[in-house]
Amino acid sequence: MFKKSICTIAVLSLFTACAEKNVNVDSYDLSTHWFNIKSLNDNKVVINKNYTEQYNNGNKTSSYADFNVYKKNKTGLYQIEKYSFFEDINKENYNSMLLDKNIDLKYNISQYDIKEEFELDKKQVSSYKKNIKIDDKVIDERDIDGNVLVCTFSNYYESMNIKDKINAYFKANYFTKDKNYNKVIELLCKDSFIAGEYYIYMAQNMGTILFMGKDEEDGSLVETFSILDTQTILD
């Protein structure tokens, strides 16, 4: 589920200069925002390079890049596979690197839901509503250890600027690279495992473009954001 994916890289809707839309009656397809469905449906491979920074009480403590590979299962028409890497994967080394890598996650997309399966534990299968409206609970889960995770579809943007969103949320100039995305859904997540909240942003036919959140650790304010740095499409 989102929680387990996001934990590998370790809030109230904000005013922004972005165009927001009242979508109380509109429904959006989660799968076309979660993944680059257009490319995957053309049997292409999608490689996302993500860049993450973390700050403790305003001081930068870590930064790194990681890579996620998405591709269609050869036999499962509606199944997507995800592979995660912390070293550079590109067109030249793609085939050799995948030979030594197991599938991390599988996603089965049906007409009504998306089921996410962890390959290391076949019993861990999460189910998400596929067609969502504002205020819908996209995720509402309790782990075997008792932690509760709830992610709500909190906003929709016809257009959103990454730099403006990060700087407004953290009230700091942590990020200067300007990027605009269209047709973006916002998920507000609350996890009983952490003290704070976090946001996930997904753009149509791109996937996750931004994660950002605040937490507290030993009395220190921890602020983290992860952006989609580049997306590479392979034949």
Protein backbone atom coordinates (compact mmCIF):
# COMPACT_ATOMS: atom_id res chain seq x y z
CA MET A 1 0.00 0.00 0.00
CA PHE A 2 1.04 3.65 -0.17
CA LYS A 3 2.32 3.58 3.40
CA LYS A 4 4.81 0.79 2.78
CA SER A 5 6.02 2.38 -0.45
CA ILE A 6 6.50 5.79 1.16
CA CYS A 7 8.25 4.47 4.27
CA THR A 8 11.16 3.51 2.07
CA ILE A 9 11.99 7.21 1.65
CA ALA A 10 12.24 7.98 5.35
CA VAL A 11 -1.42 18.40 6.81
CA LEU A 12 -4.37 20.46 6.11
CA SER A 13 -4.91 21.68 2.55
CA LEU A 14 -2.82 24.76 1.93
CA PHE A 15 -3.44 28.00 0.12
CA THR A 16 -1.66 27.86 -3.24
CA ALA A 17 -1.48 29.71 -6.51
CA CYS A 18 -2.84 26.57 -8.18
CA ALA A 19 -6.21 26.29 -9.85
CA GLU A 20 -8.53 24.20 -7.70
CA LYS A 21 -11.78 22.60 -8.80
CA ASN A 22 -14.97 21.85 -6.90
CA VAL A 23 -15.53 18.22 -7.76
CA ASN A 24 -18.19 17.11 -5.31
CA VAL A 25 -20.04 15.31 -8.09
CA ASP A 26 -17.09 14.38 -10.31
CA SER A 27 -15.42 10.98 -10.20
CA TYR A 28 -11.79 10.32 -11.08
CA ASP A 29 -10.02 7.11 -12.05
CA LEU A 30 -7.33 6.44 -9.44
CA SER A 31 -5.44 4.07 -11.75
CA THR A 32 -4.88 6.73 -14.43
CA HIS A 33 -3.30 8.97 -11.79
CA TRP A 34 -1.41 6.33 -9.81
CA PHE A 35 0.35 5.04 -12.94
CA ASN A 36 1.31 6.19 -16.41
CA ILE A 37 -1.48 4.00 -17.77
CA LYS A 38 -1.23 5.34 -21.30
CA SER A 39 2.38 4.18 -21.71
CA LEU A 40 1.86 0.92 -19.82
CA ASN A 41 -1.13 0.06 -21.98
CA ASP A 42 1.17 0.49 -24.99
CA ASN A 43 3.42 -2.18 -23.39
CA LYS A 44 6.15 0.34 -22.63
CA VAL A 45 8.30 0.35 -19.49
CA VAL A 46 8.12 3.40 -17.22
CA ILE A 47 11.12 4.39 -15.07
CA ASN A 48 10.58 7.08 -12.43
CA LYS A 49 13.56 8.78 -10.82
CA ASN A 50 12.55 10.29 -7.47
CA TYR A 51 14.54 12.85 -5.50
CA THR A 52 14.08 13.10 -1.73
CA GLU A 53 15.24 15.67 0.83
CA GLN A 54 14.79 15.66 4.61
CA TYR A 55 15.20 18.54 7.07
CA ASN A 56 15.36 18.46 10.86
CA ASN A 57 14.41 21.78 12.46
CA GLY A 58 15.16 23.48 9.15
CA ASN A 59 18.59 21.88 8.66
CA LYS A 60 19.09 19.52 5.73
CA THR A 61 20.00 16.06 7.03
CA SER A 62 19.73 13.81 3.98
CA SER A 63 19.06 13.71 0.26
CA TYR A 64 19.03 10.84 -2.21
CA ALA A 65 17.56 9.52 -5.45
CA ASP A 66 15.71 6.27 -5.97
CA PHE A 67 14.14 4.61 -9.00
CA ASN A 68 10.84 2.79 -9.54
CA VAL A 69 10.22 0.65 -12.61
CA TYR A 70 6.69 -0.14 -13.78
CA LYS A 71 5.75 -2.59 -16.51
CA LYS A 72 2.84 -4.73 -17.59
CA ASN A 73 2.86 -8.40 -16.66
CA LYS A 74 3.29 -10.47 -19.84
CA THR A 75 0.49 -12.85 -18.95
CA GLY A 76 -1.76 -10.66 -16.78
CA LEU A 77 -3.51 -8.19 -19.07
CA TYR A 78 -4.56 -5.94 -16.19
CA GLN A 79 -1.57 -6.50 -13.92
CA ILE A 80 1.27 -4.02 -13.35
CA GLU A 81 4.61 -4.93 -11.76
CA LYS A 82 6.77 -2.55 -9.73
CA TYR A 83 10.53 -2.83 -9.07
CA SER A 84 12.48 -0.49 -6.75
CA PHE A 85 16.15 0.50 -7.01
CA PHE A 86 18.55 2.77 -5.15
CA GLU A 87 21.06 2.75 -7.99
CA ASP A 88 20.67 4.30 -11.42
CA ILE A 89 18.61 2.23 -13.83
CA ASN A 90 18.38 3.41 -17.43
CA LYS A 91 17.97 2.21 -20.99
CA GLU A 92 21.49 0.81 -21.15
CA ASN A 93 21.46 -1.25 -17.94
CA TYR A 94 17.71 -1.93 -17.68
CA ASN A 95 17.71 -5.56 -18.84
CA SER A 96 20.72 -6.66 -16.79
CA MET A 97 19.49 -4.98 -13.59
CA LEU A 98 16.03 -6.51 -13.84
CA LEU A 99 17.54 -9.99 -14.17
CA ASP A 100 18.84 -9.70 -10.59
CA LYS A 101 15.74 -8.06 -9.15
CA ASN A 102 12.53 -9.58 -7.81
CA ILE A 103 9.14 -7.92 -8.19
CA ASP A 104 8.37 -5.76 -5.17
CA LEU A 105 4.68 -5.15 -5.81
CA LYS A 106 1.94 -6.31 -8.15
CA TYR A 107 -1.16 -4.28 -8.95
CA ASN A 108 -4.29 -5.90 -10.35
CA ILE A 109 -6.61 -3.31 -11.90
CA SER A 110 -10.26 -4.19 -12.39
CA GLN A 111 -13.26 -2.11 -13.34
CA TYR A 112 -14.00 -1.18 -9.73
CA ASP A 113 -10.81 -1.52 -7.69
CA ILE A 114 -7.02 -1.79 -7.58
CA LYS A 115 -5.51 -4.64 -5.58
CA GLU A 116 -1.92 -4.30 -4.42
CA GLU A 117 0.02 -7.43 -3.51
CA PHE A 118 3.38 -7.59 -1.75
CA GLU A 119 5.47 -10.34 -3.29
CA LEU A 120 7.37 -11.01 -0.05
CA ASP A 121 4.12 -11.72 1.77
CA LYS A 122 1.30 -13.09 -0.38
CA LYS A 123 -1.14 -12.52 2.49
CA GLN A 124 -0.61 -8.75 2.34
CA VAL A 125 -3.14 -7.68 -0.27
CA SER A 126 -4.61 -4.17 -0.14
CA SER A 127 -7.69 -3.09 -2.07
CA TYR A 128 -8.44 0.46 -3.23
CA LYS A 129 -11.53 1.99 -4.74
CA LYS A 130 -10.77 2.79 -8.40
CA ASN A 131 -13.30 5.55 -9.13
CA ILE A 132 -13.02 8.20 -6.44
CA LYS A 133 -14.69 11.48 -5.50
CA ILE A 134 -13.59 14.30 -3.23
CA ASP A 135 -13.67 13.25 0.46
CA ASP A 136 -13.61 9.53 -0.39
CA LYS A 137 -11.37 7.37 1.78
CA VAL A 138 -8.93 5.94 -0.75
CA ILE A 139 -7.11 3.97 1.95
CA ASP A 140 -8.57 2.84 5.28
CA GLU A 141 -6.44 0.06 6.72
CA ARG A 142 -5.25 -1.49 9.95
CA ASP A 143 -1.96 -3.39 9.98
CA ILE A 144 -1.43 -6.61 11.91
CA ASP A 145 0.52 -4.53 14.45
CA GLY A 146 -2.54 -2.32 15.02
CA ASN A 147 -1.38 0.80 13.16
CA VAL A 148 -4.17 2.62 11.32
CA LEU A 149 -3.66 4.37 7.99
CA VAL A 150 -6.31 6.58 6.39
CA CYS A 151 -5.78 8.51 3.13
CA THR A 152 -8.56 10.79 1.88
CA PHE A 153 -9.00 12.28 -1.58
CA SER A 154 -8.79 15.85 -0.32
CA ASN A 155 -8.43 18.05 -3.42
CA TYR A 156 -8.15 18.19 -7.20
CA TYR A 157 -6.07 20.63 -9.25
CA GLU A 158 -6.48 21.41 -12.92
CA SER A 159 -2.93 22.79 -12.68
CA MET A 160 -0.35 22.61 -9.88
CA ASN A 161 3.14 24.05 -9.41
CA ILE A 162 5.52 21.84 -7.42
CA LYS A 163 7.77 24.65 -6.18
CA ASP A 164 4.85 26.75 -4.96
CA LYS A 165 3.27 23.79 -3.21
CA ILE A 166 6.46 22.81 -1.34
CA ASN A 167 7.42 26.34 -0.33
CA ALA A 168 3.90 27.17 0.89
CA TYR A 169 3.62 23.96 2.91
CA PHE A 170 7.00 24.19 4.65
CA LYS A 171 7.08 28.00 4.71
CA ALA A 172 10.65 27.77 3.44
CA ASN A 173 12.59 27.84 0.19
CA TYR A 174 13.59 24.18 0.22
CA PHE A 175 13.00 23.67 -3.47
CA THR A 176 13.62 25.95 -6.43
CA LYS A 177 12.98 23.76 -9.50
CA ASP A 178 9.80 24.90 -11.24
CA LYS A 179 7.50 22.16 -12.52
CA ASN A 180 3.83 22.37 -13.47
CA TYR A 181 1.46 19.40 -13.74
CA ASN A 182 -2.13 19.18 -14.92
CA LYS A 183 -5.03 17.11 -13.58
CA VAL A 184 -3.59 16.36 -10.14
CA ILE A 185 -5.31 14.54 -7.27
CA GLU A 186 -4.30 15.20 -3.66
CA LEU A 187 -4.43 12.55 -0.94
CA LEU A 188 -4.21 13.58 2.70
CA CYS A 189 -2.88 10.72 4.85
CA LYS A 190 -2.93 10.19 8.59
CA ASP A 191 -0.97 7.30 10.05
CA SER A 192 -1.15 6.33 13.71
CA PHE A 193 2.47 5.17 13.42
CA ILE A 194 3.71 8.75 13.00
CA ALA A 195 2.90 12.02 14.80
CA GLY A 196 2.28 14.10 11.69
CA GLU A 197 0.40 13.91 8.43
CA TYR A 198 1.52 13.72 4.83
CA TYR A 199 0.27 14.47 1.34
CA ILE A 200 0.53 12.47 -1.88
CA TYR A 201 0.02 14.12 -5.27
CA MET A 202 -0.63 12.16 -8.46
CA ALA A 203 -0.89 13.59 -11.98
CA GLN A 204 -2.94 11.97 -14.69
CA ASN A 205 -0.87 9.58 -16.82
CA MET A 206 2.26 10.42 -14.83
CA GLY A 207 1.88 8.78 -11.42
CA THR A 208 3.09 10.16 -8.09
CA ILE A 209 4.74 13.54 -8.66
CA LEU A 210 5.13 14.70 -5.06
CA PHE A 211 5.11 13.38 -1.51
CA MET A 212 5.59 15.75 1.42
CA GLY A 213 5.00 15.51 5.12
CA LYS A 214 5.90 16.61 8.63
CA ASP A 215 6.66 14.44 11.65
CA GLU A 216 8.29 14.69 15.05
CA GLU A 217 11.24 12.62 16.22
CA ASP A 218 12.74 13.07 19.69
CA GLY A 219 11.43 16.63 19.89
CA SER A 220 12.75 17.52 16.44
CA LEU A 221 10.52 18.69 13.58
CA VAL A 222 11.20 16.45 10.58
CA GLU A 223 10.14 17.74 7.15
CA THR A 224 10.41 15.53 4.09
CA PHE A 225 9.54 15.92 0.43
CA SER A 226 10.06 13.61 -2.53
CA ILE A 227 9.50 14.74 -6.11
CA LEU A 228 9.32 12.98 -9.45
CA ASP A 229 12.64 14.16 -10.88
CA THR A 230 12.40 12.47 -14.29
CA GLN A 231 10.25 9.89 -16.04
CA THR A 232 11.77 7.71 -18.77
CA ILE A 233 9.67 5.66 -21.18
CA LEU A 234 11.30 2.58 -22.72
CA ASP A 235 9.99 0.57 -25.68
